[in-house]
């Protein structure tokens, strides 16, 4: 099985419940959660005048193609009520494919690895937690090296329950 990593993010409504609901909705899409990072809170990135985000990285198994995974993710977002009004805007749920093993995909609607991993602490920290030895297939570097070099200086805090 390929190591597939997804990033979940939410900054509207009951954010913890949104993360949980997204994971529950993966089951009927044949997306199996293998491992979960802690939940992290960070200020909004891109458009800063909005509520802070909760983010979590999941390692999942999926036996179909990256394009089929994207289709399943978009269905989950739609089922949860996601409305795409503006790039980097507030959202009930956002699910990004970070990695699909060592595959490199460059299609109009799908880029893998996610092109912003190295620029987002809120992505790198949970990846470092659950995939410390995974190497970025394009940059050929570890998550620790990405963290050391990222230009993102937003505070990212682990959420304690």
Protein backbone atom coordinates (compact mmCIF):
# COMPACT_ATOMS: atom_id res chain seq x y z
CA UNK A 1 0.00 0.00 0.00
CA UNK A 2 1.14 3.51 -0.79
CA UNK A 3 1.46 6.03 2.02
CA UNK A 4 -1.36 8.50 1.38
CA UNK A 5 -1.65 11.63 3.52
CA UNK A 6 -4.60 14.01 3.74
CA UNK A 7 -4.90 17.37 5.50
CA UNK A 8 -8.22 18.28 7.11
CA UNK A 9 -8.95 21.89 8.00
CA UNK A 10 -11.94 23.76 9.41
CA UNK A 11 -12.64 27.18 10.90
CA UNK A 12 -16.45 27.40 11.01
CA UNK A 13 -19.01 25.93 13.39
CA UNK A 14 -18.03 23.14 15.80
CA UNK A 15 -14.55 22.61 14.41
CA UNK A 16 -13.78 19.40 16.32
CA UNK A 17 -17.11 17.90 15.24
CA UNK A 18 -16.33 18.89 11.63
CA UNK A 19 -13.05 16.97 11.71
CA UNK A 20 -14.77 13.93 13.20
CA UNK A 21 -17.64 14.04 10.70
CA UNK A 22 -15.22 14.23 7.75
CA UNK A 23 -13.46 11.10 9.01
CA UNK A 24 -16.78 9.28 9.43
CA UNK A 25 -17.79 10.16 5.87
CA UNK A 26 -14.60 8.59 4.52
CA UNK A 27 -15.81 5.08 5.36
CA UNK A 28 -18.49 4.88 2.63
CA UNK A 29 -15.95 6.26 0.13
CA UNK A 30 -13.62 3.31 0.89
CA UNK A 31 -11.04 5.62 2.46
CA UNK A 32 -9.59 3.88 5.53
CA UNK A 33 -7.92 6.00 8.21
CA UNK A 34 -4.72 4.27 9.35
CA UNK A 35 -3.20 6.95 11.56
CA UNK A 36 -4.17 10.41 12.82
CA UNK A 37 -1.99 13.30 13.94
CA UNK A 38 -2.91 15.44 16.88
CA UNK A 39 -5.22 18.35 16.11
CA UNK A 40 -3.44 21.69 15.67
CA UNK A 41 -4.80 25.22 15.84
CA UNK A 42 -3.39 28.06 13.83
CA UNK A 43 -4.32 31.52 12.69
CA UNK A 44 -5.78 31.70 9.20
CA UNK A 45 -3.23 31.55 6.39
CA UNK A 46 -3.71 33.54 3.18
CA UNK A 47 -6.68 35.65 4.30
CA UNK A 48 -5.95 36.46 7.93
CA UNK A 49 -9.17 38.26 8.93
CA UNK A 50 -11.16 35.12 9.79
CA UNK A 51 -11.47 32.59 12.64
CA UNK A 52 -8.50 30.35 13.42
CA UNK A 53 -8.32 26.87 11.91
CA UNK A 54 -8.12 23.41 13.34
CA UNK A 55 -6.00 21.09 11.19
CA UNK A 56 -5.20 17.40 11.30
CA UNK A 57 -3.22 15.09 9.03
CA UNK A 58 -4.44 11.56 8.34
CA UNK A 59 -2.60 8.63 6.84
CA UNK A 60 -5.15 6.70 4.83
CA UNK A 61 -5.41 3.66 2.60
CA UNK A 62 -7.27 3.88 -0.68
CA UNK A 63 -7.09 1.26 -3.42
CA UNK A 64 -8.15 3.40 -6.36
CA UNK A 65 -6.48 6.23 -8.26
CA UNK A 66 -5.58 9.70 -6.97
CA UNK A 67 -8.31 11.16 -9.21
CA UNK A 68 -10.90 8.86 -7.62
CA UNK A 69 -9.66 9.90 -4.17
CA UNK A 70 -10.15 13.55 -5.13
CA UNK A 71 -13.70 12.76 -6.30
CA UNK A 72 -14.48 11.10 -2.95
CA UNK A 73 -13.03 14.03 -1.01
CA UNK A 74 -15.06 16.56 -2.99
CA UNK A 75 -18.20 14.52 -2.29
CA UNK A 76 -17.44 14.56 1.45
CA UNK A 77 -16.89 18.33 1.40
CA UNK A 78 -20.16 18.85 -0.49
CA UNK A 79 -22.08 16.53 1.84
CA UNK A 80 -20.80 18.53 4.81
CA UNK A 81 -21.97 21.78 3.22
CA UNK A 82 -18.69 23.21 1.95
CA UNK A 83 -19.21 26.29 -0.19
CA UNK A 84 -16.28 27.59 -2.24
CA UNK A 85 -16.65 31.37 -2.25
CA UNK A 86 -13.08 32.63 -2.16
CA UNK A 87 -9.60 31.15 -2.18
CA UNK A 88 -8.24 30.74 1.36
CA UNK A 89 -11.59 31.86 2.81
CA UNK A 90 -13.43 30.46 5.81
CA UNK A 91 -14.68 26.93 5.39
CA UNK A 92 -16.65 24.29 7.19
CA UNK A 93 -14.25 21.62 5.93
CA UNK A 94 -11.32 21.43 3.58
CA UNK A 95 -9.59 18.18 2.67
CA UNK A 96 -6.34 18.28 0.72
CA UNK A 97 -4.37 15.38 -0.70
CA UNK A 98 -0.80 15.97 0.47
CA UNK A 99 0.89 12.82 -0.80
CA UNK A 100 -0.17 9.70 -2.68
CA UNK A 101 2.91 7.59 -2.05
CA UNK A 102 5.78 8.86 -4.15
CA UNK A 103 3.53 9.70 -7.09
CA UNK A 104 3.79 13.04 -8.82
CA UNK A 105 0.53 14.20 -10.40
CA UNK A 106 0.26 17.47 -12.34
CA UNK A 107 -3.26 17.73 -13.70
CA UNK A 108 -5.42 20.83 -14.00
CA UNK A 109 -7.54 19.92 -10.97
CA UNK A 110 -5.05 17.82 -9.02
CA UNK A 111 -1.46 18.42 -7.96
CA UNK A 112 0.36 15.81 -5.87
CA UNK A 113 2.37 16.33 -3.78
CA UNK A 114 0.39 19.35 -2.66
CA UNK A 115 2.38 22.34 -3.94
CA UNK A 116 2.23 24.31 -0.67
CA UNK A 117 3.40 21.71 1.86
CA UNK A 118 6.78 23.36 2.38
CA UNK A 119 5.16 26.77 2.94
CA UNK A 120 2.72 25.81 5.71
CA UNK A 121 3.73 25.03 9.28
CA UNK A 122 0.17 23.81 9.99
CA UNK A 123 0.78 21.07 7.43
CA UNK A 124 4.41 20.25 8.20
CA UNK A 125 4.03 19.86 12.00
CA UNK A 126 1.30 17.18 11.90
CA UNK A 127 3.14 15.43 9.04
CA UNK A 128 6.31 15.44 11.13
CA UNK A 129 4.33 13.88 13.99
CA UNK A 130 2.98 10.88 12.05
CA UNK A 131 5.40 10.59 9.09
CA UNK A 132 8.80 11.76 10.32
CA UNK A 133 10.73 9.58 7.85
CA UNK A 134 8.57 10.19 4.79
CA UNK A 135 10.52 12.00 2.09
CA UNK A 136 8.88 14.62 -0.12
CA UNK A 137 9.02 12.93 -3.55
CA UNK A 138 9.83 16.13 -5.47
CA UNK A 139 11.93 18.12 -3.01
CA UNK A 140 13.72 14.96 -1.78
CA UNK A 141 13.75 16.21 1.78
CA UNK A 142 12.32 15.18 5.16
CA UNK A 143 9.54 16.94 7.00
CA UNK A 144 12.04 18.11 9.61
CA UNK A 145 14.10 19.77 6.88
CA UNK A 146 10.94 21.35 5.45
CA UNK A 147 10.06 22.70 8.89
CA UNK A 148 13.55 24.14 9.33
CA UNK A 149 13.33 25.95 5.98
CA UNK A 150 9.69 27.05 5.83
CA UNK A 151 9.07 30.79 5.47
CA UNK A 152 5.79 30.41 7.43
CA UNK A 153 6.14 31.83 10.94
CA UNK A 154 2.51 31.49 12.10
CA UNK A 155 2.14 29.91 15.52
CA UNK A 156 0.80 26.38 15.39
CA UNK A 157 -0.45 24.93 18.69
CA UNK A 158 -1.37 21.35 19.49
CA UNK A 159 -4.92 21.22 20.83
CA UNK A 160 -5.26 19.37 24.13
CA UNK A 161 -8.55 17.65 24.99
